[in-house]
N, C-alpha and C. Protein backbone atom coordinates (compact mmCIF):
# COMPACT_ATOMS: atom_id res chain seq x y z
N MET A 1 0.85 -1.17 0.00
CA MET A 1 0.00 0.00 0.00
C MET A 1 0.90 1.24 0.00
N THR A 2 0.60 2.19 -0.85
CA THR A 2 1.40 3.41 -0.92
C THR A 2 0.98 4.36 0.20
N ILE A 3 1.80 5.36 0.43
CA ILE A 3 1.48 6.37 1.45
C ILE A 3 0.17 7.07 1.10
N GLU A 4 -0.02 7.36 -0.17
CA GLU A 4 -1.26 8.02 -0.58
C GLU A 4 -2.48 7.14 -0.28
N GLN A 5 -2.35 5.84 -0.53
CA GLN A 5 -3.46 4.91 -0.24
C GLN A 5 -3.70 4.81 1.26
N GLU A 6 -2.62 4.78 2.04
CA GLU A 6 -2.78 4.74 3.50
C GLU A 6 -3.46 6.00 4.01
N LEU A 7 -3.05 7.14 3.46
CA LEU A 7 -3.67 8.40 3.87
C LEU A 7 -5.15 8.41 3.52
N ASP A 8 -5.49 7.96 2.32
CA ASP A 8 -6.90 7.88 1.92
C ASP A 8 -7.68 6.95 2.85
N ALA A 9 -7.06 5.82 3.21
CA ALA A 9 -7.72 4.87 4.12
C ALA A 9 -7.95 5.51 5.48
N PHE A 10 -6.95 6.25 5.97
CA PHE A 10 -7.11 6.91 7.27
C PHE A 10 -8.20 7.97 7.22
N VAL A 11 -8.21 8.77 6.16
CA VAL A 11 -9.23 9.83 6.03
C VAL A 11 -10.62 9.21 6.01
N THR A 12 -10.78 8.13 5.27
CA THR A 12 -12.08 7.44 5.22
C THR A 12 -12.46 6.94 6.61
N PHE A 13 -11.51 6.32 7.30
CA PHE A 13 -11.74 5.84 8.66
C PHE A 13 -12.13 6.99 9.58
N ALA A 14 -11.35 8.07 9.55
CA ALA A 14 -11.58 9.22 10.44
C ALA A 14 -12.95 9.84 10.18
N ARG A 15 -13.31 9.99 8.93
CA ARG A 15 -14.64 10.55 8.62
C ARG A 15 -15.75 9.65 9.13
N GLY A 16 -15.57 8.36 9.00
CA GLY A 16 -16.57 7.41 9.52
C GLY A 16 -16.68 7.50 11.02
N GLN A 17 -15.54 7.62 11.71
CA GLN A 17 -15.55 7.75 13.17
C GLN A 17 -16.27 9.03 13.58
N LEU A 18 -15.98 10.12 12.88
CA LEU A 18 -16.62 11.39 13.22
C LEU A 18 -18.12 11.36 12.93
N ALA A 19 -18.52 10.64 11.90
CA ALA A 19 -19.95 10.52 11.60
C ALA A 19 -20.67 9.72 12.68
N ASP A 20 -19.97 8.71 13.24
CA ASP A 20 -20.56 7.86 14.28
C ASP A 20 -20.47 8.48 15.66
N ASP A 21 -19.45 9.32 15.86
CA ASP A 21 -19.18 9.87 17.20
C ASP A 21 -18.63 11.28 17.04
N THR A 22 -19.47 12.27 17.21
CA THR A 22 -19.03 13.64 17.00
C THR A 22 -17.98 14.07 18.02
N ASP A 23 -17.84 13.33 19.12
CA ASP A 23 -16.81 13.61 20.12
C ASP A 23 -15.76 12.51 20.07
N ALA A 24 -15.15 12.33 18.90
CA ALA A 24 -14.19 11.24 18.69
C ALA A 24 -12.82 11.55 19.28
N GLY A 25 -12.66 12.71 19.88
CA GLY A 25 -11.38 13.06 20.49
C GLY A 25 -10.51 13.84 19.52
N SER A 26 -9.24 13.76 19.75
CA SER A 26 -8.28 14.50 18.95
C SER A 26 -7.88 13.72 17.69
N LEU A 27 -7.15 14.37 16.83
CA LEU A 27 -6.62 13.72 15.65
C LEU A 27 -5.69 12.58 16.06
N ASP A 28 -4.89 12.82 17.11
CA ASP A 28 -4.00 11.77 17.61
C ASP A 28 -4.80 10.55 18.09
N ALA A 29 -5.90 10.79 18.78
CA ALA A 29 -6.74 9.69 19.26
C ALA A 29 -7.33 8.91 18.09
N LEU A 30 -7.77 9.62 17.07
CA LEU A 30 -8.30 8.95 15.88
C LEU A 30 -7.21 8.12 15.20
N PHE A 31 -6.00 8.67 15.11
CA PHE A 31 -4.91 7.94 14.48
C PHE A 31 -4.54 6.70 15.30
N ASP A 32 -4.50 6.86 16.62
CA ASP A 32 -4.20 5.71 17.49
C ASP A 32 -5.23 4.60 17.29
N ARG A 33 -6.50 4.99 17.23
CA ARG A 33 -7.58 4.01 17.03
C ARG A 33 -7.43 3.33 15.67
N TRP A 34 -7.09 4.13 14.64
CA TRP A 34 -6.91 3.57 13.30
C TRP A 34 -5.73 2.60 13.28
N ARG A 35 -4.64 2.96 13.94
CA ARG A 35 -3.45 2.10 13.99
C ARG A 35 -3.75 0.79 14.70
N LEU A 36 -4.58 0.83 15.74
CA LEU A 36 -4.96 -0.41 16.41
C LEU A 36 -5.71 -1.34 15.48
N GLU A 37 -6.56 -0.76 14.65
CA GLU A 37 -7.37 -1.56 13.74
C GLU A 37 -6.66 -1.87 12.43
N ASN A 38 -5.58 -1.13 12.14
CA ASN A 38 -4.85 -1.30 10.88
C ASN A 38 -3.35 -1.28 11.14
N PRO A 39 -2.84 -2.29 11.83
CA PRO A 39 -1.42 -2.28 12.14
C PRO A 39 -0.57 -2.40 10.87
N PRO A 40 0.63 -1.83 10.89
CA PRO A 40 1.49 -1.96 9.72
C PRO A 40 1.90 -3.42 9.52
N PRO A 41 2.18 -3.82 8.28
CA PRO A 41 2.53 -5.22 8.01
C PRO A 41 3.70 -5.72 8.85
N GLU A 42 4.71 -4.87 9.11
CA GLU A 42 5.85 -5.30 9.91
C GLU A 42 5.40 -5.70 11.31
N SER A 43 4.47 -4.96 11.85
CA SER A 43 3.96 -5.25 13.19
C SER A 43 3.26 -6.60 13.20
N ARG A 44 2.49 -6.86 12.18
CA ARG A 44 1.79 -8.14 12.07
C ARG A 44 2.80 -9.29 11.99
N ASP A 45 3.86 -9.08 11.20
CA ASP A 45 4.90 -10.11 11.06
C ASP A 45 5.57 -10.39 12.40
N GLU A 46 5.85 -9.32 13.17
CA GLU A 46 6.45 -9.49 14.49
C GLU A 46 5.51 -10.24 15.43
N ASP A 47 4.23 -9.91 15.37
CA ASP A 47 3.24 -10.57 16.23
C ASP A 47 3.15 -12.06 15.89
N VAL A 48 3.13 -12.38 14.60
CA VAL A 48 3.05 -13.78 14.17
C VAL A 48 4.28 -14.53 14.64
N ALA A 49 5.47 -13.92 14.51
CA ALA A 49 6.71 -14.57 14.95
C ALA A 49 6.70 -14.79 16.46
N ALA A 50 6.20 -13.81 17.22
CA ALA A 50 6.15 -13.95 18.68
C ALA A 50 5.18 -15.06 19.09
N ILE A 51 4.05 -15.14 18.42
CA ILE A 51 3.08 -16.20 18.72
C ILE A 51 3.67 -17.57 18.38
N ALA A 52 4.34 -17.67 17.24
CA ALA A 52 4.97 -18.94 16.85
C ALA A 52 6.02 -19.36 17.87
N ALA A 53 6.83 -18.39 18.34
CA ALA A 53 7.86 -18.69 19.35
C ALA A 53 7.21 -19.14 20.66
N SER A 54 6.13 -18.49 21.04
CA SER A 54 5.42 -18.87 22.27
C SER A 54 4.84 -20.27 22.16
N LEU A 55 4.28 -20.60 21.02
CA LEU A 55 3.74 -21.95 20.82
C LEU A 55 4.84 -22.99 20.89
N GLU A 56 6.00 -22.69 20.32
CA GLU A 56 7.13 -23.62 20.38
C GLU A 56 7.59 -23.80 21.82
N ASP A 57 7.66 -22.70 22.58
CA ASP A 57 8.01 -22.79 24.01
C ASP A 57 7.02 -23.69 24.74
N PHE A 58 5.74 -23.51 24.46
CA PHE A 58 4.69 -24.30 25.10
C PHE A 58 4.86 -25.78 24.77
N ARG A 59 5.15 -26.07 23.50
CA ARG A 59 5.35 -27.47 23.09
C ARG A 59 6.54 -28.10 23.81
N ARG A 60 7.56 -27.29 24.14
CA ARG A 60 8.74 -27.79 24.85
C ARG A 60 8.51 -27.85 26.35
N GLY A 61 7.32 -27.46 26.80
CA GLY A 61 7.00 -27.55 28.22
C GLY A 61 7.17 -26.26 29.00
N GLU A 62 7.62 -25.21 28.34
CA GLU A 62 7.78 -23.91 29.02
C GLU A 62 6.40 -23.30 29.23
N ARG A 63 6.06 -23.04 30.47
CA ARG A 63 4.74 -22.50 30.77
C ARG A 63 4.79 -21.06 31.26
N GLY A 64 5.99 -20.49 31.39
CA GLY A 64 6.09 -19.11 31.83
C GLY A 64 5.85 -18.96 33.32
N VAL A 65 5.57 -17.75 33.73
CA VAL A 65 5.34 -17.43 35.13
C VAL A 65 3.85 -17.16 35.33
N PRO A 66 3.24 -17.77 36.33
CA PRO A 66 1.82 -17.51 36.58
C PRO A 66 1.57 -16.02 36.83
N ALA A 67 0.48 -15.53 36.34
CA ALA A 67 0.14 -14.11 36.48
C ALA A 67 0.12 -13.68 37.94
N ARG A 68 -0.37 -14.55 38.83
CA ARG A 68 -0.45 -14.16 40.25
C ARG A 68 0.95 -13.90 40.81
N ASP A 69 1.97 -14.67 40.33
CA ASP A 69 3.34 -14.44 40.81
C ASP A 69 3.89 -13.12 40.30
N THR A 70 3.66 -12.85 39.04
CA THR A 70 4.11 -11.61 38.45
C THR A 70 3.41 -10.43 39.11
N SER A 71 2.12 -10.56 39.33
CA SER A 71 1.35 -9.51 39.97
C SER A 71 1.85 -9.25 41.39
N ALA A 72 2.11 -10.31 42.13
CA ALA A 72 2.61 -10.15 43.51
C ALA A 72 3.96 -9.46 43.52
N ALA A 73 4.85 -9.83 42.61
CA ALA A 73 6.16 -9.20 42.54
C ALA A 73 6.04 -7.72 42.18
N LEU A 74 5.15 -7.39 41.26
CA LEU A 74 4.95 -6.01 40.87
C LEU A 74 4.39 -5.19 42.03
N HIS A 75 3.41 -5.74 42.73
CA HIS A 75 2.84 -5.04 43.89
C HIS A 75 3.92 -4.79 44.94
N SER A 76 4.73 -5.79 45.18
CA SER A 76 5.81 -5.66 46.17
C SER A 76 6.79 -4.55 45.76
N GLU A 77 7.16 -4.54 44.48
CA GLU A 77 8.10 -3.52 43.99
C GLU A 77 7.50 -2.13 44.09
N LEU A 78 6.24 -2.00 43.74
CA LEU A 78 5.59 -0.69 43.82
C LEU A 78 5.43 -0.22 45.25
N ASP A 79 5.14 -1.15 46.17
CA ASP A 79 5.03 -0.79 47.59
C ASP A 79 6.35 -0.28 48.14
N GLU A 80 7.47 -0.88 47.68
CA GLU A 80 8.79 -0.46 48.13
C GLU A 80 9.12 0.96 47.65
N ARG A 81 8.61 1.33 46.48
CA ARG A 81 8.88 2.67 45.95
C ARG A 81 8.05 3.73 46.67
N GLY A 82 6.99 3.28 47.30
CA GLY A 82 6.21 4.16 48.14
C GLY A 82 5.19 4.96 47.53
């Protein structure tokens, strides 16, 4: 997709958002929303590679750290900072 095509796609998206929600926020907020719904191809490639790596880790038995442990460590660190 060329820059001109991307710009046209964003303008179409932004106009649609404004038609649906007259208080759609700032231009930056509209762009952030558009980027979430239309990530660049490189980002998609990185996400696919990360998911593939995670699946391979899972197949090898790596289960990561339980969320409750990570959450407890984060709470402890934040409490220490005061």
